[in-house]
Amino acid sequence: MSIKTSTQLTIARSAERGYFDHGWLQTHHSFSFAGYFDPANQNWGALRVLNDDVVAPGTGFGTHPHRDMEILTYVLDGELEHRDSMGNAGVVRPGGVQYLSAGTGITHSEYNHSAQRPVHFVQMWVVPRAKNLEPRYGQVDFSATDRHNRWLTIASGEAGVTAPIDLWQDATAFVARLDEGRLAKPVRAGRFGFLYVATGEVTLGTQKLGAGDAGRIEGPFEVEVSGTGELVLWDVPPMPESAA
């Protein structure tokens, strides 16, 4: 069950997520998505979707549409193949990030590139600051060293923040592979932080978090985490009025 440790931090446990086993796909939803709906759990600030997916070899998501959403896919293990209606194609490998700004509308497909091994990834959607923006696509490959025991900024639309992927939102995404020491990151007043443990076990403040657990943060708050695991951290504004 969720544990509210303070007015700024709530721990959301893995077992509370929506879960579906489709045979070819095992998927966990941190927020309401598809067949999982909870009116009290539809977003955390501008972060609208965080799905943790494992796709079987040689299978995947056929061509489908998106619009008015910033979509990041972070590959943990295996290879994810992408094709879209703008003519982009690529394969994202462990540590790599695929970015799709759906804007006015785009269709794409996502398949496991391997016929032998599953692919494991986290897909995250952020609501953009406005509707009907220009669609964009990008892919960035990162090494394990890039995120080893440090926060790696992978995407941002915040003024003054340098990132390889630009977002149409005042939001920033970080990843880290932690196996020693401690990582810290402040979340400012009026902002929302979301720390997701993709693998491993870490301590956030005084709370133990395992794979699939998350910390939902309301700033001001200092995120302090130690342990061993693959981590994703979002720093987002409130849900924009354009999403209403």
Protein backbone atom coordinates (compact mmCIF):
# COMPACT_ATOMS: atom_id res chain seq x y z
CA MET A 1 0.00 0.00 0.00
CA SER A 2 1.03 3.62 -0.49
CA ILE A 3 2.97 5.13 2.40
CA LYS A 4 2.79 8.88 2.92
CA THR A 5 5.97 9.58 4.86
CA SER A 6 5.52 13.35 4.92
CA THR A 7 3.53 16.07 3.21
CA GLN A 8 6.16 16.01 0.44
CA LEU A 9 6.74 12.26 -0.12
CA THR A 10 4.46 9.30 -0.82
CA ILE A 11 5.83 5.82 -1.56
CA ALA A 12 3.84 3.94 -4.22
CA ARG A 13 4.49 0.20 -4.17
CA SER A 14 4.96 -2.01 -7.21
CA ALA A 15 1.95 -4.18 -6.41
CA GLU A 16 -0.39 -1.16 -6.56
CA ARG A 17 0.24 -0.65 -10.27
CA GLY A 18 -2.05 -1.86 -12.99
CA TYR A 19 -0.74 -5.15 -14.40
CA PHE A 20 -1.66 -7.12 -17.52
CA ASP A 21 -0.14 -10.28 -18.98
CA HIS A 22 -1.00 -10.46 -22.68
CA GLY A 23 1.31 -13.37 -23.38
CA TRP A 24 3.54 -11.46 -25.76
CA LEU A 25 3.52 -8.42 -23.42
CA GLN A 26 3.82 -8.08 -19.67
CA THR A 27 3.03 -4.51 -18.70
CA HIS A 28 2.81 -2.51 -15.47
CA HIS A 29 1.10 0.90 -15.39
CA SER A 30 2.04 3.43 -12.72
CA PHE A 31 -0.90 5.63 -13.82
CA SER A 32 -4.28 4.96 -15.40
CA PHE A 33 -3.71 3.56 -18.88
CA ALA A 34 -5.66 1.35 -21.30
CA GLY A 35 -7.54 -1.28 -19.24
CA TYR A 36 -6.34 0.11 -15.92
CA PHE A 37 -8.34 3.10 -14.65
CA ASP A 38 -8.20 4.74 -11.26
CA PRO A 39 -9.74 8.24 -11.15
CA ALA A 40 -7.42 9.10 -8.24
CA ASN A 41 -4.30 8.00 -10.15
CA GLN A 42 -4.24 9.57 -13.60
CA ASN A 43 -1.02 11.60 -13.47
CA TRP A 44 1.64 13.13 -11.27
CA GLY A 45 1.89 16.74 -12.33
CA ALA A 46 2.49 16.78 -16.08
CA LEU A 47 3.73 13.16 -16.02
CA ARG A 48 0.82 11.24 -17.54
CA VAL A 49 2.15 7.72 -18.25
CA LEU A 50 4.90 5.49 -16.92
CA ASN A 51 4.66 1.94 -18.24
CA ASP A 52 7.21 -0.78 -17.48
CA ASP A 53 7.01 -3.27 -20.37
CA VAL A 54 8.58 -6.60 -21.29
CA VAL A 55 7.91 -7.66 -24.89
CA ALA A 56 8.51 -11.24 -26.06
CA PRO A 57 10.94 -12.01 -28.90
CA GLY A 58 9.69 -11.23 -32.40
CA THR A 59 6.54 -9.43 -31.24
CA GLY A 60 5.47 -5.86 -30.53
CA PHE A 61 3.05 -3.02 -30.96
CA GLY A 62 1.68 -2.63 -34.50
CA THR A 63 1.24 0.75 -36.13
CA HIS A 64 -0.86 3.04 -33.93
CA PRO A 65 -1.43 6.80 -33.60
CA HIS A 66 -0.43 9.43 -31.03
CA ARG A 67 -0.93 13.17 -30.74
CA ASP A 68 -0.27 16.00 -28.28
CA MET A 69 2.13 14.01 -26.08
CA GLU A 70 5.87 13.92 -25.31
CA ILE A 71 6.93 10.24 -25.28
CA LEU A 72 10.26 8.92 -23.99
CA THR A 73 11.24 5.25 -24.13
CA TYR A 74 14.22 4.13 -22.04
CA VAL A 75 15.53 0.65 -22.86
CA LEU A 76 16.81 -1.41 -19.92
CA ASP A 77 17.57 -4.70 -21.66
CA GLY A 78 17.24 -6.05 -25.20
CA GLU A 79 16.57 -4.16 -28.44
CA LEU A 80 13.52 -2.10 -29.40
CA GLU A 81 12.81 -1.35 -33.07
CA HIS A 82 10.89 1.80 -34.07
CA ARG A 83 9.29 2.94 -37.34
CA ASP A 84 7.03 5.95 -37.85
CA SER A 85 5.01 7.88 -40.41
CA MET A 86 7.73 10.56 -40.72
CA GLY A 87 10.08 7.97 -42.20
CA ASN A 88 12.20 7.42 -39.09
CA ALA A 89 13.49 3.96 -38.24
CA GLY A 90 15.94 2.78 -35.62
CA VAL A 91 16.87 0.24 -32.98
CA VAL A 92 17.27 1.36 -29.36
CA ARG A 93 19.60 -0.71 -27.19
CA PRO A 94 20.22 -0.79 -23.40
CA GLY A 95 20.77 2.69 -22.01
CA GLY A 96 19.36 4.28 -25.15
CA VAL A 97 16.44 6.67 -25.26
CA GLN A 98 13.87 7.17 -28.01
CA TYR A 99 11.93 10.44 -28.12
CA LEU A 100 8.65 11.03 -29.93
CA SER A 101 6.84 14.36 -29.77
CA ALA A 102 3.49 13.45 -31.27
CA GLY A 103 2.24 17.02 -31.73
CA THR A 104 -0.36 17.34 -34.47
CA GLY A 105 -0.31 13.59 -35.03
CA ILE A 106 1.97 10.69 -35.88
CA THR A 107 1.73 6.92 -36.27
CA HIS A 108 4.45 4.47 -35.31
CA SER A 109 5.21 0.86 -34.46
CA GLU A 110 7.43 -0.65 -31.75
CA TYR A 111 8.76 -4.18 -32.01
CA ASN A 112 11.24 -6.41 -30.26
CA HIS A 113 14.14 -6.39 -32.71
CA SER A 114 15.35 -9.78 -31.47
CA ALA A 115 13.82 -13.15 -32.30
CA GLN A 116 15.56 -14.75 -29.31
CA ARG A 117 15.53 -12.35 -26.35
CA PRO A 118 12.80 -10.25 -24.67
CA VAL A 119 13.13 -6.47 -24.55
CA HIS A 120 12.52 -4.56 -21.32
CA PHE A 121 11.86 -0.82 -21.37
CA VAL A 122 10.15 2.00 -19.54
CA GLN A 123 7.90 4.27 -21.59
CA MET A 124 6.93 7.66 -20.20
CA TRP A 125 4.52 10.32 -21.45
CA VAL A 126 4.52 13.98 -20.48
CA VAL A 127 1.73 16.38 -21.47
CA PRO A 128 3.19 19.23 -23.58
CA ARG A 129 2.76 22.90 -22.76
CA ALA A 130 0.43 23.38 -25.75
CA LYS A 131 -1.49 21.36 -28.32
CA ASN A 132 -0.92 21.03 -32.08
CA LEU A 133 2.86 21.43 -31.95
CA GLU A 134 5.22 20.19 -34.66
CA PRO A 135 5.93 16.42 -34.42
CA ARG A 136 9.56 15.46 -33.73
CA TYR A 137 11.56 12.25 -33.34
CA GLY A 138 14.99 11.49 -31.95
CA GLN A 139 17.14 8.69 -30.61
CA VAL A 140 20.18 9.03 -28.33
CA ASP A 141 22.48 6.20 -27.28
CA PHE A 142 24.18 6.43 -23.88
CA SER A 143 26.91 4.25 -22.40
CA ALA A 144 26.72 2.61 -18.97
CA THR A 145 29.50 4.99 -17.88
CA ASP A 146 27.37 8.02 -18.73
CA ARG A 147 24.91 7.19 -15.94
CA HIS A 148 27.13 5.22 -13.55
CA ASN A 149 26.65 6.58 -10.02
CA ARG A 150 25.47 9.93 -11.36
CA TRP A 151 22.29 11.58 -12.59
CA LEU A 152 22.37 11.73 -16.39
CA THR A 153 20.07 14.37 -17.86
CA ILE A 154 18.43 12.71 -20.87
CA ALA A 155 15.67 15.18 -21.80
CA SER A 156 14.45 18.62 -20.82
CA GLY A 157 12.43 21.62 -21.85
CA GLU A 158 13.45 23.74 -18.85
CA ALA A 159 15.19 27.05 -19.48
CA GLY A 160 18.87 26.82 -18.59
CA VAL A 161 18.99 23.00 -18.59
CA THR A 162 21.19 21.36 -21.21
CA ALA A 163 19.96 18.00 -22.50
CA PRO A 164 20.42 15.96 -25.69
CA ILE A 165 16.64 15.69 -26.14
CA ASP A 166 14.37 18.75 -26.18
CA LEU A 167 10.87 18.54 -24.72
CA TRP A 168 7.85 20.74 -25.42
CA GLN A 169 7.38 21.05 -21.67
CA ASP A 170 9.08 22.63 -18.65
CA ALA A 171 10.16 19.16 -17.47
CA THR A 172 13.41 17.24 -17.04
CA ALA A 173 14.15 13.51 -17.03
CA PHE A 174 17.21 11.90 -15.44
CA VAL A 175 18.47 8.30 -15.28
CA ALA A 176 21.15 6.68 -13.13
CA ARG A 177 22.72 3.28 -12.57
CA LEU A 178 23.65 3.33 -8.90
CA ASP A 179 25.84 0.79 -7.10
CA GLU A 180 27.70 2.86 -4.54
CA GLY A 181 27.45 6.13 -2.69
CA ARG A 182 24.47 8.46 -2.64
CA LEU A 183 22.72 10.60 -5.22
CA ALA A 184 20.84 13.79 -4.43
CA LYS A 185 18.63 16.10 -6.47
CA PRO A 186 16.42 18.98 -5.28
CA VAL A 187 12.79 19.36 -6.36
CA ARG A 188 11.74 23.01 -6.11
CA ALA A 189 8.57 24.36 -4.56
CA GLY A 190 5.62 24.12 -6.94
CA ARG A 191 7.20 21.18 -8.82
CA PHE A 192 6.49 17.44 -8.82
CA GLY A 193 9.19 14.76 -8.65
CA PHE A 194 8.73 11.10 -9.54
CA LEU A 195 11.49 8.63 -8.67
CA TYR A 196 11.01 5.21 -10.29
CA VAL A 197 13.09 2.14 -9.40
CA ALA A 198 13.33 0.11 -12.60
CA THR A 199 15.67 -2.54 -11.15
CA GLY A 200 17.41 -3.22 -7.86
CA GLU A 201 16.80 -1.97 -4.34
CA VAL A 202 17.49 1.51 -3.00
CA THR A 203 16.74 3.68 0.00
CA LEU A 204 14.90 6.98 -0.48
CA GLY A 205 15.20 8.94 2.73
CA THR A 206 14.34 6.24 5.28
CA GLN A 207 12.23 4.08 2.93
CA LYS A 208 13.37 0.93 1.14
CA LEU A 209 12.26 0.76 -2.50
CA GLY A 210 12.45 -2.27 -4.77
CA ALA A 211 11.91 -2.75 -8.48
CA GLY A 212 8.61 -1.17 -9.55
CA ASP A 213 8.33 1.03 -6.47
CA ALA A 214 8.21 4.81 -6.80
CA GLY A 215 8.48 7.96 -4.74
CA ARG A 216 5.93 10.67 -5.52
CA ILE A 217 7.37 14.00 -4.45
CA GLU A 218 5.93 17.47 -3.96
CA GLY A 219 8.54 20.20 -3.78
CA PRO A 220 10.35 21.59 -1.99
CA PHE A 221 12.11 18.30 -1.33
CA GLU A 222 15.66 16.97 -1.50
CA VAL A 223 15.74 13.57 -3.22
CA GLU A 224 18.44 11.49 -1.50
CA VAL A 225 18.87 7.93 -2.70
CA SER A 226 21.42 5.17 -2.06
CA GLY A 227 21.70 1.46 -2.86
CA THR A 228 21.93 -0.49 -6.10
CA GLY A 229 19.57 -0.11 -9.03
CA GLU A 230 18.54 1.44 -12.32
CA LEU A 231 16.66 4.66 -11.58
CA VAL A 232 14.50 7.16 -13.46
CA LEU A 233 13.73 10.58 -12.01
CA TRP A 234 11.29 13.16 -13.41
CA ASP A 235 11.00 16.79 -12.36
CA VAL A 236 7.78 18.20 -13.84
CA PRO A 237 5.42 21.17 -13.48
CA PRO A 238 1.72 20.87 -12.62
CA MET A 239 -0.58 19.51 -15.32
CA PRO A 240 -0.93 22.26 -17.96
CA GLU A 241 -4.29 23.90 -18.58
CA SER A 242 -4.06 22.79 -22.23
CA ALA A 243 -4.71 19.22 -21.07
CA ALA A 244 -8.11 20.10 -19.63
